[in-house]
PDB file of N, CA and C in Angstrom:
ATOM      1  N   UNK A   1     104.650 -37.867 -33.666  1.00  0.00           N
ATOM      2  CA  UNK A   1     104.171 -38.982 -33.800  1.00  0.00           C
ATOM      3  C   UNK A   1     103.864 -38.942 -35.542  1.00  0.00           C
ATOM      4  N   UNK A   2     102.497 -38.353 -35.568  1.00  0.00           N
ATOM      5  CA  UNK A   2     101.507 -38.622 -36.938  1.00  0.00           C
ATOM      6  C   UNK A   2     102.430 -38.331 -38.013  1.00  0.00           C
ATOM      7  N   UNK A   3     103.243 -37.542 -37.818  1.00  0.00           N
ATOM      8  CA  UNK A   3     103.807 -36.697 -39.008  1.00  0.00           C
ATOM      9  C   UNK A   3     105.013 -37.636 -39.388  1.00  0.00           C
ATOM     10  N   UNK A   4     105.476 -38.452 -39.258  1.00  0.00           N
ATOM     11  CA  UNK A   4     106.163 -40.000 -39.459  1.00  0.00           C
ATOM     12  C   UNK A   4     104.978 -40.989 -40.001  1.00  0.00           C
ATOM     13  N   UNK A   5     104.097 -41.357 -39.046  1.00  0.00           N
ATOM     14  CA  UNK A   5     103.057 -41.995 -39.603  1.00  0.00           C
ATOM     15  C   UNK A   5     103.627 -41.867 -41.597  1.00  0.00           C
ATOM     16  N   UNK A   6     102.984 -40.477 -41.308  1.00  0.00           N
ATOM     17  CA  UNK A   6     101.994 -39.473 -42.629  1.00  0.00           C
ATOM     18  C   UNK A   6     103.839 -40.157 -43.568  1.00  0.00           C
ATOM     19  N   UNK A   7     104.468 -39.120 -43.212  1.00  0.00           N
ATOM     20  CA  UNK A   7     105.533 -39.317 -43.783  1.00  0.00           C
ATOM     21  C   UNK A   7     105.476 -40.542 -44.819  1.00  0.00           C
ATOM     22  N   UNK A   8     106.793 -41.755 -43.628  1.00  0.00           N
ATOM     23  CA  UNK A   8     106.008 -42.664 -44.100  1.00  0.00           C
ATOM     24  C   UNK A   8     105.155 -43.458 -45.060  1.00  0.00           C
ATOM     25  N   UNK A   9     103.741 -43.781 -44.190  1.00  0.00           N
ATOM     26  CA  UNK A   9     102.570 -43.769 -45.513  1.00  0.00           C
ATOM     27  C   UNK A   9     103.540 -42.814 -47.065  1.00  0.00           C
ATOM     28  N   UNK A  10     102.983 -41.493 -47.056  1.00  0.00           N
ATOM     29  CA  UNK A  10     103.316 -41.179 -48.465  1.00  0.00           C
ATOM     30  C   UNK A  10     104.680 -41.712 -49.233  1.00  0.00           C
ATOM     31  N   UNK A  11     106.006 -42.510 -48.285  1.00  0.00           N
ATOM     32  CA  UNK A  11     107.013 -42.953 -49.361  1.00  0.00           C
ATOM     33  C   UNK A  11     106.201 -43.927 -49.042  1.00  0.00           C
ATOM     34  N   UNK A  12     105.339 -44.651 -49.145  1.00  0.00           N
ATOM     35  CA  UNK A  12     104.888 -46.246 -50.231  1.00  0.00           C
ATOM     36  C   UNK A  12     104.046 -46.151 -51.200  1.00  0.00           C
ATOM     37  N   UNK A  13     103.839 -45.176 -50.497  1.00  0.00           N
ATOM     38  CA  UNK A  13     102.488 -44.833 -51.466  1.00  0.00           C
ATOM     39  C   UNK A  13     102.899 -44.037 -52.359  1.00  0.00           C
ATOM     40  N   UNK A  14     104.397 -43.183 -52.707  1.00  0.00           N
ATOM     41  CA  UNK A  14     104.906 -42.873 -54.077  1.00  0.00           C
ATOM     42  C   UNK A  14     106.078 -43.618 -54.646  1.00  0.00           C
ATOM     43  N   UNK A  15     106.415 -44.767 -53.839  1.00  0.00           N
ATOM     44  CA  UNK A  15     106.958 -46.108 -54.054  1.00  0.00           C
ATOM     45  C   UNK A  15     106.016 -46.648 -54.913  1.00  0.00           C
ATOM     46  N   UNK A  16     104.707 -47.059 -54.525  1.00  0.00           N
ATOM     47  CA  UNK A  16     103.643 -48.058 -55.416  1.00  0.00           C
ATOM     48  C   UNK A  16     103.063 -46.683 -56.412  1.00  0.00           C
ATOM     49  N   UNK A  17     103.443 -46.780 -56.052  1.00  0.00           N
ATOM     50  CA  UNK A  17     102.256 -45.651 -57.718  1.00  0.00           C
ATOM     51  C   UNK A  17     103.715 -45.582 -59.227  1.00  0.00           C
ATOM     52  N   UNK A  18     105.173 -45.283 -58.496  1.00  0.00           N
ATOM     53  CA  UNK A  18     106.085 -44.705 -59.630  1.00  0.00           C
ATOM     54  C   UNK A  18     106.460 -46.563 -60.393  1.00  0.00           C
ATOM     55  N   UNK A  19     105.973 -47.460 -59.393  1.00  0.00           N
ATOM     56  CA  UNK A  19     106.623 -48.994 -59.578  1.00  0.00           C
ATOM     57  C   UNK A  19     104.884 -48.861 -61.035  1.00  0.00           C
ATOM     58  N   UNK A  20     102.864 -49.026 -60.587  1.00  0.00           N
ATOM     59  CA  UNK A  20     102.410 -49.460 -61.207  1.00  0.00           C
ATOM     60  C   UNK A  20     103.100 -48.003 -62.248  1.00  0.00           C
ATOM     61  N   UNK A  21     103.004 -46.703 -62.283  1.00  0.00           N
ATOM     62  CA  UNK A  21     103.088 -46.315 -63.907  1.00  0.00           C
ATOM     63  C   UNK A  21     103.982 -46.524 -64.563  1.00  0.00           C
ATOM     64  N   UNK A  22     105.669 -47.203 -64.688  1.00  0.00           N
ATOM     65  CA  UNK A  22     106.336 -46.943 -64.850  1.00  0.00           C
ATOM     66  C   UNK A  22     106.759 -45.013 -64.324  1.00  0.00           C
ATOM     67  N   UNK A  23     106.742 -44.869 -63.720  1.00  0.00           N
ATOM     68  CA  UNK A  23     106.953 -43.865 -63.571  1.00  0.00           C
ATOM     69  C   UNK A  23     108.429 -43.432 -62.721  1.00  0.00           C
ATOM     70  N   UNK A  24     109.562 -42.403 -63.321  1.00  0.00           N
ATOM     71  CA  UNK A  24     110.590 -41.842 -61.437  1.00  0.00           C
ATOM     72  C   UNK A  24     109.335 -41.548 -60.132  1.00  0.00           C
ATOM     73  N   UNK A  25     110.322 -42.325 -59.817  1.00  0.00           N
ATOM     74  CA  UNK A  25     110.236 -41.577 -57.910  1.00  0.00           C
ATOM     75  C   UNK A  25     109.753 -39.861 -58.239  1.00  0.00           C
ATOM     76  N   UNK A  26     110.340 -39.136 -58.095  1.00  0.00           N
ATOM     77  CA  UNK A  26     110.373 -37.760 -58.528  1.00  0.00           C
ATOM     78  C   UNK A  26     108.457 -37.269 -59.217  1.00  0.00           C
ATOM     79  N   UNK A  27     108.606 -37.763 -60.516  1.00  0.00           N
ATOM     80  CA  UNK A  27     107.899 -37.326 -61.130  1.00  0.00           C
ATOM     81  C   UNK A  27     106.240 -38.531 -60.486  1.00  0.00           C
ATOM     82  N   UNK A  28     105.869 -39.455 -59.425  1.00  0.00           N
ATOM     83  CA  UNK A  28     105.104 -39.729 -58.682  1.00  0.00           C
ATOM     84  C   UNK A  28     105.218 -38.807 -57.726  1.00  0.00           C
ATOM     85  N   UNK A  29     106.030 -38.025 -56.746  1.00  0.00           N
ATOM     86  CA  UNK A  29     106.343 -37.411 -55.731  1.00  0.00           C
ATOM     87  C   UNK A  29     105.957 -36.239 -56.331  1.00  0.00           C
ATOM     88  N   UNK A  30     105.474 -35.506 -57.241  1.00  0.00           N
ATOM     89  CA  UNK A  30     104.883 -34.372 -57.893  1.00  0.00           C
ATOM     90  C   UNK A  30     103.689 -34.897 -57.987  1.00  0.00           C
ATOM     91  N   UNK A  31     103.009 -35.824 -58.412  1.00  0.00           N
ATOM     92  CA  UNK A  31     101.094 -36.312 -59.158  1.00  0.00           C
ATOM     93  C   UNK A  31     101.596 -36.840 -57.301  1.00  0.00           C
ATOM     94  N   UNK A  32     100.965 -36.560 -56.341  1.00  0.00           N
ATOM     95  CA  UNK A  32     101.261 -38.169 -54.879  1.00  0.00           C
ATOM     96  C   UNK A  32     100.568 -35.964 -54.235  1.00  0.00           C
ATOM     97  N   UNK A  33     101.923 -35.386 -54.540  1.00  0.00           N
ATOM     98  CA  UNK A  33     101.403 -33.636 -53.436  1.00  0.00           C
ATOM     99  C   UNK A  33     100.369 -32.851 -54.186  1.00  0.00           C
ATOM    100  N   UNK A  34     100.343 -32.434 -55.692  1.00  0.00           N
ATOM    101  CA  UNK A  34      99.494 -31.973 -56.297  1.00  0.00           C
ATOM    102  C   UNK A  34      98.154 -33.029 -56.031  1.00  0.00           C
ATOM    103  N   UNK A  35      98.191 -33.635 -54.851  1.00  0.00           N
ATOM    104  CA  UNK A  35      96.319 -34.432 -55.527  1.00  0.00           C
ATOM    105  C   UNK A  35      95.942 -33.838 -54.780  1.00  0.00           C
ATOM    106  N   UNK A  36      94.470 -34.188 -54.907  1.00  0.00           N
ATOM    107  CA  UNK A  36      92.930 -33.723 -54.219  1.00  0.00           C
ATOM    108  C   UNK A  36      92.902 -34.888 -52.942  1.00  0.00           C
ATOM    109  N   UNK A  37      93.710 -36.551 -53.256  1.00  0.00           N
ATOM    110  CA  UNK A  37      94.416 -37.098 -52.310  1.00  0.00           C
ATOM    111  C   UNK A  37      95.264 -38.000 -51.410  1.00  0.00           C
ATOM    112  N   UNK A  38      96.224 -36.531 -52.155  1.00  0.00           N
ATOM    113  CA  UNK A  38      97.529 -35.931 -50.815  1.00  0.00           C
ATOM    114  C   UNK A  38      96.254 -34.539 -50.469  1.00  0.00           C
ATOM    115  N   UNK A  39      95.889 -34.233 -50.010  1.00  0.00           N
ATOM    116  CA  UNK A  39      95.133 -33.039 -49.667  1.00  0.00           C
ATOM    117  C   UNK A  39      94.446 -33.569 -47.985  1.00  0.00           C
ATOM    118  N   UNK A  40      93.541 -34.417 -48.537  1.00  0.00           N
ATOM    119  CA  UNK A  40      93.238 -35.832 -47.772  1.00  0.00           C
ATOM    120  C   UNK A  40      92.942 -37.013 -46.859  1.00  0.00           C
ATOM    121  N   UNK A  41      94.764 -36.968 -46.901  1.00  0.00           N
ATOM    122  CA  UNK A  41      95.773 -37.088 -46.858  1.00  0.00           C
ATOM    123  C   UNK A  41      96.301 -36.694 -45.128  1.00  0.00           C
ATOM    124  N   UNK A  42      96.582 -35.293 -45.632  1.00  0.00           N
ATOM    125  CA  UNK A  42      97.146 -34.380 -45.477  1.00  0.00           C
ATOM    126  C   UNK A  42      96.359 -33.871 -43.980  1.00  0.00           C
ATOM    127  N   UNK A  43      94.476 -34.229 -44.009  1.00  0.00           N
ATOM    128  CA  UNK A  43      93.756 -33.956 -43.258  1.00  0.00           C
ATOM    129  C   UNK A  43      93.256 -35.037 -41.989  1.00  0.00           C
ATOM    130  N   UNK A  44      93.525 -34.441 -41.243  1.00  0.00           N
ATOM    131  CA  UNK A  44      93.370 -36.251 -39.947  1.00  0.00           C
ATOM    132  C   UNK A  44      91.791 -36.032 -39.892  1.00  0.00           C
ATOM    133  N   UNK A  45      90.944 -35.442 -40.344  1.00  0.00           N
ATOM    134  CA  UNK A  45      89.492 -35.517 -40.200  1.00  0.00           C
ATOM    135  C   UNK A  45      89.354 -35.892 -41.633  1.00  0.00           C
ATOM    136  N   UNK A  46      89.452 -36.869 -42.014  1.00  0.00           N
ATOM    137  CA  UNK A  46      89.165 -37.656 -43.105  1.00  0.00           C
ATOM    138  C   UNK A  46      89.234 -38.902 -42.098  1.00  0.00           C
ATOM    139  N   UNK A  47      90.142 -39.510 -42.309  1.00  0.00           N
ATOM    140  CA  UNK A  47      90.369 -40.754 -42.040  1.00  0.00           C
ATOM    141  C   UNK A  47      90.817 -41.352 -42.823  1.00  0.00           C
ATOM    142  N   UNK A  48      91.674 -40.835 -44.226  1.00  0.00           N
ATOM    143  CA  UNK A  48      91.966 -41.609 -45.358  1.00  0.00           C
ATOM    144  C   UNK A  48      93.595 -42.332 -44.856  1.00  0.00           C
ATOM    145  N   UNK A  49      94.533 -41.709 -43.671  1.00  0.00           N
ATOM    146  CA  UNK A  49      95.758 -41.968 -43.370  1.00  0.00           C
ATOM    147  C   UNK A  49      94.942 -43.582 -42.730  1.00  0.00           C
ATOM    148  N   UNK A  50      94.039 -43.397 -41.816  1.00  0.00           N
ATOM    149  CA  UNK A  50      93.676 -45.121 -42.052  1.00  0.00           C
ATOM    150  C   UNK A  50      93.547 -46.217 -42.452  1.00  0.00           C
ATOM    151  N   UNK A  51      93.556 -45.987 -43.986  1.00  0.00           N
ATOM    152  CA  UNK A  51      93.779 -46.665 -45.480  1.00  0.00           C
ATOM    153  C   UNK A  51      94.728 -46.979 -45.141  1.00  0.00           C
ATOM    154  N   UNK A  52      94.315 -48.675 -46.153  1.00  0.00           N
ATOM    155  CA  UNK A  52      95.976 -49.130 -46.262  1.00  0.00           C
ATOM    156  C   UNK A  52      96.789 -48.519 -48.163  1.00  0.00           C
ATOM    157  N   UNK A  53      97.204 -48.918 -46.988  1.00  0.00           N
ATOM    158  CA  UNK A  53      98.396 -48.145 -48.869  1.00  0.00           C
ATOM    159  C   UNK A  53      97.204 -48.115 -50.219  1.00  0.00           C
ATOM    160  N   UNK A  54      97.271 -49.609 -50.647  1.00  0.00           N
ATOM    161  CA  UNK A  54      97.080 -49.868 -51.709  1.00  0.00           C
ATOM    162  C   UNK A  54      95.391 -49.072 -51.706  1.00  0.00           C
ATOM    163  N   UNK A  55      95.209 -49.153 -50.679  1.00  0.00           N
ATOM    164  CA  UNK A  55      93.657 -47.859 -51.412  1.00  0.00           C
ATOM    165  C   UNK A  55      94.465 -46.584 -51.585  1.00  0.00           C
ATOM    166  N   UNK A  56      94.537 -45.883 -51.081  1.00  0.00           N
ATOM    167  CA  UNK A  56      95.071 -45.035 -51.185  1.00  0.00           C
ATOM    168  C   UNK A  56      95.301 -44.500 -52.396  1.00  0.00           C
ATOM    169  N   UNK A  57      96.505 -45.954 -53.062  1.00  0.00           N
ATOM    170  CA  UNK A  57      96.808 -45.854 -54.019  1.00  0.00           C
ATOM    171  C   UNK A  57      95.493 -45.607 -54.956  1.00  0.00           C
ATOM    172  N   UNK A  58      95.056 -46.816 -55.180  1.00  0.00           N
ATOM    173  CA  UNK A  58      93.618 -46.699 -55.941  1.00  0.00           C
ATOM    174  C   UNK A  58      92.891 -45.658 -55.579  1.00  0.00           C
ATOM    175  N   UNK A  59      92.195 -45.339 -54.945  1.00  0.00           N
ATOM    176  CA  UNK A  59      91.723 -43.777 -55.259  1.00  0.00           C
ATOM    177  C   UNK A  59      92.812 -42.953 -55.616  1.00  0.00           C
ATOM    178  N   UNK A  60      94.031 -42.657 -55.574  1.00  0.00           N
ATOM    179  CA  UNK A  60      95.057 -41.816 -56.282  1.00  0.00           C
ATOM    180  C   UNK A  60      94.528 -41.884 -57.798  1.00  0.00           C
ATOM    181  N   UNK A  61      94.803 -43.049 -57.510  1.00  0.00           N
ATOM    182  CA  UNK A  61      95.096 -44.010 -59.703  1.00  0.00           C
ATOM    183  C   UNK A  61      93.413 -43.881 -60.098  1.00  0.00           C
ATOM    184  N   UNK A  62      93.213 -44.141 -59.268  1.00  0.00           N
ATOM    185  CA  UNK A  62      90.961 -42.639 -59.742  1.00  0.00           C
ATOM    186  C   UNK A  62      90.699 -41.344 -60.336  1.00  0.00           C
ATOM    187  N   UNK A  63      91.598 -40.978 -59.473  1.00  0.00           N
ATOM    188  CA  UNK A  63      91.107 -39.268 -59.151  1.00  0.00           C
ATOM    189  C   UNK A  63      92.547 -38.623 -60.428  1.00  0.00           C
ATOM    190  N   UNK A  64      93.253 -39.406 -61.147  1.00  0.00           N
ATOM    191  CA  UNK A  64      94.257 -39.694 -62.503  1.00  0.00           C
ATOM    192  C   UNK A  64      92.932 -39.459 -63.400  1.00  0.00           C
ATOM    193  N   UNK A  65      92.460 -40.759 -63.515  1.00  0.00           N
ATOM    194  CA  UNK A  65      91.722 -40.888 -64.633  1.00  0.00           C
ATOM    195  C   UNK A  65      91.037 -39.561 -64.780  1.00  0.00           C
ATOM    196  N   UNK A  66      90.061 -38.788 -64.009  1.00  0.00           N
ATOM    197  CA  UNK A  66      89.196 -37.554 -64.154  1.00  0.00           C
ATOM    198  C   UNK A  66      90.157 -36.995 -64.924  1.00  0.00           C
TER     199      UNK A  66
END
C-alpha cells in the first residue's frame, strides 16, 4: 500500500515540477530521482510522504537552487 501511495505522489510531483520548470516529464523524473528530496521521500522515517505535493515540490526547488 505504501509503495502505491509513494508512486502516485511521485507522479504528481514530477508533473508539477515539469510544469513549473517548463521541462519534459522525463527530465523532471530524472531530477526527482537524483535528489535528496527523493531520498527523504522514500524514507518512511522522514515523514515527508505525509506532506502535501506542493510542500515537497517547494522543498525540491529549494534544493535545486543550491
